N, C-alpha and C. Protein backbone atom coordinates (compact mmCIF):
# COMPACT_ATOMS: atom_id res chain seq x y z
N MET A 1 162.94 -47.44 -59.14
CA MET A 1 164.05 -47.88 -59.91
C MET A 1 163.41 -47.85 -61.45
N ILE A 2 164.33 -47.24 -62.19
CA ILE A 2 163.71 -46.85 -63.54
C ILE A 2 164.14 -48.38 -64.34
N THR A 3 163.01 -48.67 -65.40
CA THR A 3 163.52 -49.60 -66.38
C THR A 3 163.60 -49.58 -68.15
N LEU A 4 164.76 -49.24 -68.59
CA LEU A 4 164.90 -49.06 -69.70
C LEU A 4 164.99 -50.28 -70.76
N GLN A 5 164.42 -50.45 -71.76
CA GLN A 5 164.68 -51.39 -73.04
C GLN A 5 166.01 -51.50 -73.09
N SER A 6 166.45 -52.85 -73.75
CA SER A 6 167.92 -52.91 -74.38
C SER A 6 168.06 -51.90 -75.83
N SER A 7 166.97 -51.42 -76.39
CA SER A 7 167.17 -50.72 -77.42
C SER A 7 167.18 -49.36 -77.23
N GLN A 8 166.61 -48.95 -75.77
CA GLN A 8 166.89 -47.31 -75.48
C GLN A 8 168.03 -46.98 -74.78
N ARG A 9 168.71 -48.45 -74.29
CA ARG A 9 169.93 -48.13 -73.59
C ARG A 9 170.96 -48.01 -74.96
N ASP A 10 170.77 -48.99 -76.18
CA ASP A 10 171.25 -48.73 -77.43
C ASP A 10 171.13 -47.61 -77.89
N GLN A 11 170.17 -46.88 -78.01
CA GLN A 11 170.16 -45.45 -78.45
C GLN A 11 170.65 -44.69 -77.79
N ILE A 12 170.77 -44.62 -76.21
CA ILE A 12 171.68 -43.76 -75.73
C ILE A 12 173.34 -44.21 -76.16
N PHE A 13 173.63 -45.16 -76.22
CA PHE A 13 175.07 -45.40 -76.78
C PHE A 13 175.44 -44.80 -77.74
N ALA A 14 174.59 -45.17 -78.68
CA ALA A 14 174.77 -44.56 -80.13
C ALA A 14 174.52 -42.95 -80.56
N HIS A 15 173.97 -42.54 -79.70
CA HIS A 15 174.00 -40.82 -79.64
C HIS A 15 175.48 -40.51 -78.99
N ALA A 16 175.87 -41.30 -78.13
CA ALA A 16 177.04 -40.80 -77.42
C ALA A 16 178.30 -41.04 -77.91
N LYS A 17 178.21 -42.14 -78.73
CA LYS A 17 179.39 -42.62 -79.77
C LYS A 17 179.50 -41.36 -80.95
N LYS A 18 178.28 -40.65 -81.84
CA LYS A 18 178.49 -40.42 -82.70
C LYS A 18 178.74 -38.86 -82.21
N ALA A 19 178.59 -38.24 -80.96
CA ALA A 19 179.33 -37.48 -80.54
C ALA A 19 180.34 -37.27 -80.23
N GLU A 20 180.87 -38.30 -79.77
CA GLU A 20 182.39 -38.37 -79.46
C GLU A 20 183.15 -37.87 -80.68
N PRO A 21 184.23 -37.25 -80.45
CA PRO A 21 184.90 -36.51 -78.62
C PRO A 21 184.05 -35.82 -77.87
N ALA A 22 182.94 -34.91 -78.24
CA ALA A 22 182.43 -34.45 -77.70
C ALA A 22 181.60 -34.96 -76.28
N GLU A 23 180.63 -34.61 -75.81
CA GLU A 23 179.67 -34.58 -74.57
C GLU A 23 178.28 -34.74 -75.50
N CYS A 24 177.66 -36.03 -75.36
CA CYS A 24 176.24 -35.79 -75.81
C CYS A 24 175.40 -35.68 -74.39
N CYS A 25 174.02 -34.99 -74.52
CA CYS A 25 172.80 -34.78 -73.83
C CYS A 25 171.83 -35.23 -74.33
N GLY A 26 170.95 -35.49 -73.25
CA GLY A 26 169.59 -35.84 -73.63
C GLY A 26 168.75 -36.45 -72.18
N LEU A 27 167.20 -36.57 -72.29
CA LEU A 27 166.41 -36.87 -71.38
C LEU A 27 165.88 -37.99 -71.70
N ILE A 28 165.28 -38.69 -70.40
CA ILE A 28 164.83 -40.17 -70.71
C ILE A 28 163.04 -39.58 -69.99
N SER A 29 162.33 -39.86 -70.51
CA SER A 29 160.49 -40.02 -69.95
C SER A 29 160.22 -41.12 -70.04
N GLY A 30 159.19 -41.02 -69.05
CA GLY A 30 157.94 -41.95 -69.03
C GLY A 30 157.31 -42.21 -67.70
N THR A 31 156.63 -43.38 -67.46
CA THR A 31 155.65 -43.69 -66.71
C THR A 31 156.05 -43.24 -65.11
N THR A 32 155.33 -43.20 -64.38
CA THR A 32 155.31 -42.49 -62.68
C THR A 32 155.72 -43.60 -62.16
N GLU A 33 155.80 -45.15 -62.70
CA GLU A 33 156.34 -46.07 -62.10
C GLU A 33 157.60 -46.52 -62.34
N GLY A 34 158.36 -45.76 -63.03
CA GLY A 34 159.87 -45.66 -63.64
C GLY A 34 160.25 -46.49 -64.71
N THR A 35 158.80 -46.86 -65.65
CA THR A 35 159.14 -47.32 -66.97
C THR A 35 159.42 -46.54 -68.06
N ALA A 36 160.67 -46.44 -68.67
CA ALA A 36 161.09 -45.43 -69.45
C ALA A 36 160.41 -45.56 -71.05
N LYS A 37 159.86 -44.43 -71.73
CA LYS A 37 158.87 -44.52 -72.95
C LYS A 37 159.89 -43.92 -74.00
N THR A 38 160.13 -43.03 -73.96
CA THR A 38 160.98 -41.93 -74.73
C THR A 38 162.59 -41.56 -74.04
N ILE A 39 163.11 -41.68 -75.68
CA ILE A 39 164.48 -41.16 -75.33
C ILE A 39 164.48 -39.66 -75.78
N PHE A 40 164.87 -38.58 -75.42
CA PHE A 40 164.98 -37.38 -76.22
C PHE A 40 166.44 -37.13 -76.63
N PRO A 41 167.24 -37.44 -77.86
CA PRO A 41 168.56 -37.35 -77.91
C PRO A 41 168.65 -35.14 -77.87
N LEU A 42 169.09 -34.62 -77.66
CA LEU A 42 169.29 -33.52 -77.21
C LEU A 42 170.40 -32.89 -77.71
N ARG A 43 170.79 -31.83 -78.53
CA ARG A 43 171.99 -30.83 -79.18
C ARG A 43 172.78 -30.26 -77.93
N ASN A 44 174.28 -30.71 -77.75
CA ASN A 44 175.08 -29.83 -76.99
C ASN A 44 175.19 -28.64 -77.55
N THR A 45 175.23 -27.95 -76.52
CA THR A 45 175.34 -26.12 -76.96
C THR A 45 176.56 -25.73 -75.83
N ALA A 46 177.16 -26.60 -75.52
CA ALA A 46 178.37 -26.26 -74.36
C ALA A 46 179.45 -25.53 -74.78
N ALA A 47 179.86 -24.24 -74.43
CA ALA A 47 181.08 -23.59 -75.33
C ALA A 47 182.16 -24.63 -75.54
N ASP A 48 182.36 -25.32 -74.59
CA ASP A 48 183.48 -26.54 -74.70
C ASP A 48 182.77 -28.16 -74.83
N GLN A 49 182.24 -28.39 -75.82
CA GLN A 49 181.57 -29.90 -75.56
C GLN A 49 182.42 -31.20 -75.35
N THR A 50 183.85 -30.71 -75.32
CA THR A 50 184.56 -31.87 -74.90
C THR A 50 184.48 -31.79 -73.45
N VAL A 51 184.14 -31.25 -72.73
CA VAL A 51 184.41 -31.57 -71.22
C VAL A 51 183.15 -31.07 -70.28
N SER A 52 182.18 -30.97 -71.30
CA SER A 52 180.71 -30.41 -70.89
C SER A 52 179.41 -30.41 -71.33
N TYR A 53 178.43 -30.23 -71.01
CA TYR A 53 177.31 -30.40 -71.79
C TYR A 53 176.13 -28.89 -71.36
N GLU A 54 175.58 -28.72 -72.29
CA GLU A 54 174.09 -27.72 -72.08
C GLU A 54 173.79 -28.04 -73.24
N ALA A 55 172.10 -28.32 -72.81
CA ALA A 55 171.33 -28.99 -73.99
C ALA A 55 170.91 -27.46 -74.47
N ALA A 56 170.49 -27.45 -76.03
CA ALA A 56 169.82 -26.43 -76.80
C ALA A 56 168.78 -25.97 -76.01
N PRO A 57 168.41 -24.92 -75.54
CA PRO A 57 167.13 -24.91 -75.07
C PRO A 57 165.67 -25.55 -75.74
N GLU A 58 165.93 -24.68 -77.49
CA GLU A 58 164.73 -25.09 -78.70
C GLU A 58 164.50 -26.80 -77.93
N ASP A 59 165.61 -27.88 -78.16
CA ASP A 59 165.65 -28.95 -78.11
C ASP A 59 164.83 -29.17 -76.41
N LEU A 60 165.25 -28.79 -75.80
CA LEU A 60 164.87 -28.66 -74.33
C LEU A 60 163.52 -28.91 -74.55
N PHE A 61 162.53 -27.54 -74.35
CA PHE A 61 161.54 -27.52 -74.94
C PHE A 61 160.45 -27.81 -75.59
N ALA A 62 161.19 -28.19 -76.41
CA ALA A 62 159.93 -29.53 -77.31
C ALA A 62 160.55 -30.58 -76.61
N ALA A 63 161.42 -31.14 -75.93
CA ALA A 63 161.30 -32.38 -75.51
C ALA A 63 160.13 -32.25 -74.14
N GLN A 64 160.67 -31.47 -73.40
CA GLN A 64 159.45 -31.41 -72.51
C GLN A 64 157.70 -30.93 -73.12
N ARG A 65 157.96 -30.54 -74.01
CA ARG A 65 156.54 -30.12 -74.41
C ARG A 65 155.76 -31.89 -74.74
N GLN A 66 156.67 -32.25 -75.79
CA GLN A 66 156.17 -33.44 -76.25
C GLN A 66 155.89 -34.68 -74.56
N MET A 67 156.56 -34.24 -73.93
CA MET A 67 156.35 -35.30 -72.56
C MET A 67 154.79 -34.80 -71.93
N ARG A 68 154.74 -33.55 -72.05
CA ARG A 68 153.43 -33.41 -71.34
C ARG A 68 152.49 -34.00 -72.76
N GLU A 69 152.69 -33.46 -73.67
CA GLU A 69 151.54 -34.36 -74.60
C GLU A 69 151.30 -35.43 -74.51
N ARG A 70 152.68 -36.77 -74.03
CA ARG A 70 152.36 -37.67 -74.03
C ARG A 70 151.96 -38.40 -72.69
N ASP A 71 151.32 -37.35 -71.58
CA ASP A 71 151.45 -37.70 -70.34
C ASP A 71 152.71 -38.69 -69.90
N GLU A 72 153.78 -38.03 -70.15
CA GLU A 72 155.14 -38.92 -69.66
C GLU A 72 155.43 -37.92 -68.83
N GLN A 73 156.74 -38.49 -67.44
CA GLN A 73 157.37 -37.70 -66.80
C GLN A 73 159.06 -37.91 -66.91
N LEU A 74 159.56 -36.73 -66.73
CA LEU A 74 161.06 -36.65 -66.76
C LEU A 74 161.27 -38.04 -65.66
N LEU A 75 161.90 -38.83 -66.33
CA LEU A 75 162.94 -39.98 -65.40
C LEU A 75 164.07 -40.08 -64.68
N GLY A 76 165.13 -38.98 -66.04
CA GLY A 76 166.27 -39.08 -66.35
C GLY A 76 166.86 -38.08 -67.41
N ILE A 77 168.45 -37.69 -66.72
CA ILE A 77 168.75 -36.88 -67.62
C ILE A 77 170.03 -37.81 -67.88
N TYR A 78 170.45 -37.84 -69.31
CA TYR A 78 171.97 -39.06 -69.51
C TYR A 78 172.72 -37.47 -70.56
N HIS A 79 173.96 -38.20 -70.18
CA HIS A 79 174.92 -37.75 -70.86
C HIS A 79 176.33 -38.31 -71.07
N SER A 80 177.46 -38.08 -71.36
CA SER A 80 178.68 -39.07 -71.69
C SER A 80 179.64 -38.37 -71.27
N HIS A 81 181.17 -38.92 -70.80
CA HIS A 81 182.35 -38.90 -70.43
C HIS A 81 182.71 -39.72 -71.51
N PRO A 82 183.51 -39.37 -72.61
CA PRO A 82 183.85 -39.92 -73.74
C PRO A 82 184.73 -40.49 -72.88
N ARG A 83 185.87 -39.77 -72.14
CA ARG A 83 187.17 -40.30 -71.85
C ARG A 83 187.31 -41.30 -70.70
N SER A 84 185.85 -41.63 -70.08
CA SER A 84 186.17 -42.11 -68.79
C SER A 84 185.93 -43.90 -69.20
N ALA A 85 185.89 -44.54 -68.42
CA ALA A 85 185.91 -46.20 -68.48
C ALA A 85 184.63 -46.14 -67.34
N GLU A 86 184.61 -45.61 -66.48
CA GLU A 86 183.62 -46.05 -65.07
C GLU A 86 183.42 -44.77 -64.60
N PRO A 87 182.59 -44.04 -65.27
CA PRO A 87 181.97 -43.14 -65.73
C PRO A 87 181.16 -42.41 -63.76
N ALA A 88 181.31 -41.14 -63.40
CA ALA A 88 180.92 -40.81 -62.35
C ALA A 88 180.75 -39.56 -62.33
N PRO A 89 179.70 -38.79 -61.74
CA PRO A 89 179.49 -37.25 -61.59
C PRO A 89 180.54 -36.55 -61.37
N SER A 90 180.97 -35.44 -62.36
CA SER A 90 182.13 -34.41 -62.10
C SER A 90 181.62 -33.47 -61.18
N GLU A 91 182.19 -32.43 -60.54
CA GLU A 91 182.35 -31.23 -59.84
C GLU A 91 181.06 -30.65 -60.58
N THR A 92 181.32 -30.36 -62.15
CA THR A 92 180.24 -29.62 -62.63
C THR A 92 179.23 -30.15 -62.92
N ASP A 93 179.14 -31.33 -63.12
CA ASP A 93 177.71 -32.02 -63.24
C ASP A 93 177.11 -31.86 -61.73
N VAL A 94 177.45 -32.35 -60.71
CA VAL A 94 176.80 -31.80 -59.22
C VAL A 94 176.63 -30.78 -59.45
N ARG A 95 177.33 -29.21 -59.60
CA ARG A 95 177.39 -27.85 -59.48
C ARG A 95 175.81 -28.15 -60.25
N LEU A 96 175.89 -28.65 -61.65
CA LEU A 96 174.52 -27.97 -62.36
C LEU A 96 173.39 -28.92 -62.80
N ALA A 97 173.22 -30.10 -61.31
CA ALA A 97 172.27 -30.56 -61.36
C ALA A 97 170.89 -30.37 -60.52
N TYR A 98 170.11 -29.60 -61.53
CA TYR A 98 168.96 -28.60 -61.27
C TYR A 98 167.80 -29.76 -61.31
N TYR A 99 167.88 -30.85 -61.44
CA TYR A 99 166.76 -31.52 -61.22
C TYR A 99 166.88 -32.78 -60.68
N PRO A 100 166.61 -32.44 -58.94
CA PRO A 100 166.92 -33.27 -58.05
C PRO A 100 166.40 -34.95 -57.99
N GLN A 101 164.53 -34.53 -58.75
CA GLN A 101 163.80 -36.01 -58.68
C GLN A 101 164.39 -36.59 -59.72
N ALA A 102 165.15 -36.53 -60.58
CA ALA A 102 165.52 -36.81 -61.91
C ALA A 102 167.17 -37.57 -61.43
N VAL A 103 166.72 -38.92 -62.46
CA VAL A 103 168.20 -39.79 -62.24
C VAL A 103 169.10 -39.64 -63.28
N TYR A 104 170.34 -38.95 -62.84
CA TYR A 104 171.39 -38.68 -63.82
C TYR A 104 172.10 -40.03 -64.55
N PHE A 105 172.20 -40.47 -65.93
CA PHE A 105 172.86 -41.72 -66.17
C PHE A 105 173.98 -40.68 -66.66
N ILE A 106 175.08 -41.92 -67.23
CA ILE A 106 176.72 -40.88 -67.50
C ILE A 106 177.21 -42.14 -68.29
N VAL A 107 177.44 -41.83 -69.79
CA VAL A 107 177.97 -43.13 -70.43
C VAL A 107 179.38 -42.87 -70.54
N GLY A 108 180.34 -43.56 -70.47
CA GLY A 108 181.75 -44.03 -70.70
C GLY A 108 182.25 -44.93 -71.83
N LEU A 109 182.88 -43.72 -72.14
CA LEU A 109 182.90 -44.50 -73.61
C LEU A 109 184.87 -45.30 -73.58
N ALA A 110 185.58 -44.53 -72.73
CA ALA A 110 186.82 -44.93 -73.06
C ALA A 110 187.34 -46.67 -72.65
N ALA A 111 186.16 -47.75 -72.57
CA ALA A 111 186.34 -48.87 -72.36
C ALA A 111 186.09 -49.19 -73.76
N GLN A 112 186.41 -50.48 -73.74
CA GLN A 112 186.28 -51.74 -75.08
C GLN A 112 184.43 -51.46 -75.28
N GLN A 113 183.56 -51.68 -74.72
CA GLN A 113 182.19 -51.23 -74.58
C GLN A 113 181.88 -50.73 -73.81
N PRO A 114 180.57 -49.40 -74.36
CA PRO A 114 180.45 -48.58 -73.71
C PRO A 114 179.44 -48.96 -72.42
N VAL A 115 179.81 -47.96 -71.02
CA VAL A 115 179.29 -48.50 -70.03
C VAL A 115 178.49 -46.87 -68.97
N MET A 116 177.31 -47.43 -68.78
CA MET A 116 176.42 -46.34 -68.37
C MET A 116 175.85 -46.65 -66.77
N HIS A 117 176.33 -45.38 -66.17
CA HIS A 117 175.80 -45.85 -64.60
C HIS A 117 174.70 -44.70 -63.94
N ALA A 118 174.12 -44.52 -63.26
CA ALA A 118 173.03 -44.14 -63.05
C ALA A 118 173.17 -43.57 -61.85
N PHE A 119 172.91 -42.35 -61.48
CA PHE A 119 173.27 -41.58 -59.79
C PHE A 119 172.07 -40.35 -59.78
N HIS A 120 171.72 -40.66 -58.26
CA HIS A 120 170.90 -39.08 -57.83
C HIS A 120 172.16 -38.20 -57.12
N ILE A 121 171.50 -37.27 -58.08
CA ILE A 121 172.89 -35.81 -57.78
C ILE A 121 171.84 -35.03 -56.46
N SER A 122 172.74 -34.37 -55.60
CA SER A 122 171.95 -33.14 -54.95
C SER A 122 172.91 -31.96 -55.09
N GLU A 123 172.74 -31.29 -56.27
CA GLU A 123 172.99 -30.03 -55.87
C GLU A 123 173.26 -28.96 -54.57
N ARG A 124 172.03 -29.09 -54.05
CA ARG A 124 171.93 -28.20 -52.61
C ARG A 124 172.83 -28.89 -52.04
N ASP A 125 173.03 -30.37 -52.01
CA ASP A 125 174.06 -30.94 -50.66
C ASP A 125 175.04 -31.35 -51.01
N GLU A 126 175.71 -31.10 -52.85
CA GLU A 126 176.49 -31.27 -53.16
C GLU A 126 177.59 -32.78 -52.83
N ARG A 127 176.44 -33.33 -53.40
CA ARG A 127 176.55 -35.25 -53.02
C ARG A 127 175.99 -35.72 -54.37
N TRP A 128 176.28 -37.14 -54.14
CA TRP A 128 175.87 -37.84 -55.29
C TRP A 128 175.98 -39.50 -55.05
N GLU A 129 175.04 -39.84 -55.57
CA GLU A 129 174.88 -41.26 -54.56
C GLU A 129 174.63 -42.16 -55.64
N ARG A 130 175.29 -43.63 -56.32
CA ARG A 130 174.88 -44.42 -57.11
C ARG A 130 173.45 -45.20 -57.20
N VAL A 131 172.85 -45.22 -58.11
CA VAL A 131 171.34 -46.25 -58.30
C VAL A 131 171.58 -47.39 -59.01
N GLU A 132 170.76 -48.10 -58.68
CA GLU A 132 170.74 -49.13 -59.83
C GLU A 132 169.27 -48.87 -61.03
N TYR A 133 169.48 -49.68 -62.10
CA TYR A 133 168.35 -49.15 -62.99
C TYR A 133 168.21 -50.29 -63.66
N ALA A 134 167.40 -50.87 -64.03
CA ALA A 134 167.04 -52.21 -64.80
C ALA A 134 166.81 -52.00 -66.57
N ILE A 135 167.38 -53.03 -67.03
CA ILE A 135 167.12 -53.52 -68.51
C ILE A 135 166.23 -54.45 -68.74
N ALA A 136 164.85 -54.18 -69.36
CA ALA A 136 164.03 -55.27 -69.26
C ALA A 136 164.46 -56.19 -70.01
N GLY A 137 164.18 -57.54 -69.53
CA GLY A 137 164.50 -58.73 -70.22
C GLY A 137 166.11 -59.14 -70.01
N GLU A 138 166.75 -58.45 -69.33
CA GLU A 138 168.18 -58.43 -68.77
C GLU A 138 168.21 -58.90 -67.34
C-alpha cells in the first residue's frame, strides 16, 4: 500500500486544478515500503489535453534521474479526469498503462471537492482494479 502525506495529495490536487480543463500528469516516488517521498508534476504534451495526457519526455527523464539520485522508486503515476466525479481508468488509460508495477492515481474534479482513486492497471490483460492507499495521519 502506498502512503501519501496530506500535503502531497494537496499538491496533486493543486496541479489538477491548475491544469483544468486539460488533464494533468505526474509521478510519485518513494521507498520500497510504499512511503511517498516526492511528487513530480509533469507537463502534458498530448495533442488533445482535454481528453488525454502524455508526459513531456524531458520532464519524465529528469524525474527518473532525480529518483535514481535520491534512491527512490517509482510508486505511482497520476493524472486527472477534469469532468469526472468518480474517476476510473478509461480505455486509453488501460491501453497506455506501460508501468504495471506502478499504482495509477486518477483525480476527478467534477464534484464539489477533488476525488482521487488508485488502481492497478494491466495493459497486457486489458483490465484494472481499484486499490487502497493511505493518507498519513488520516
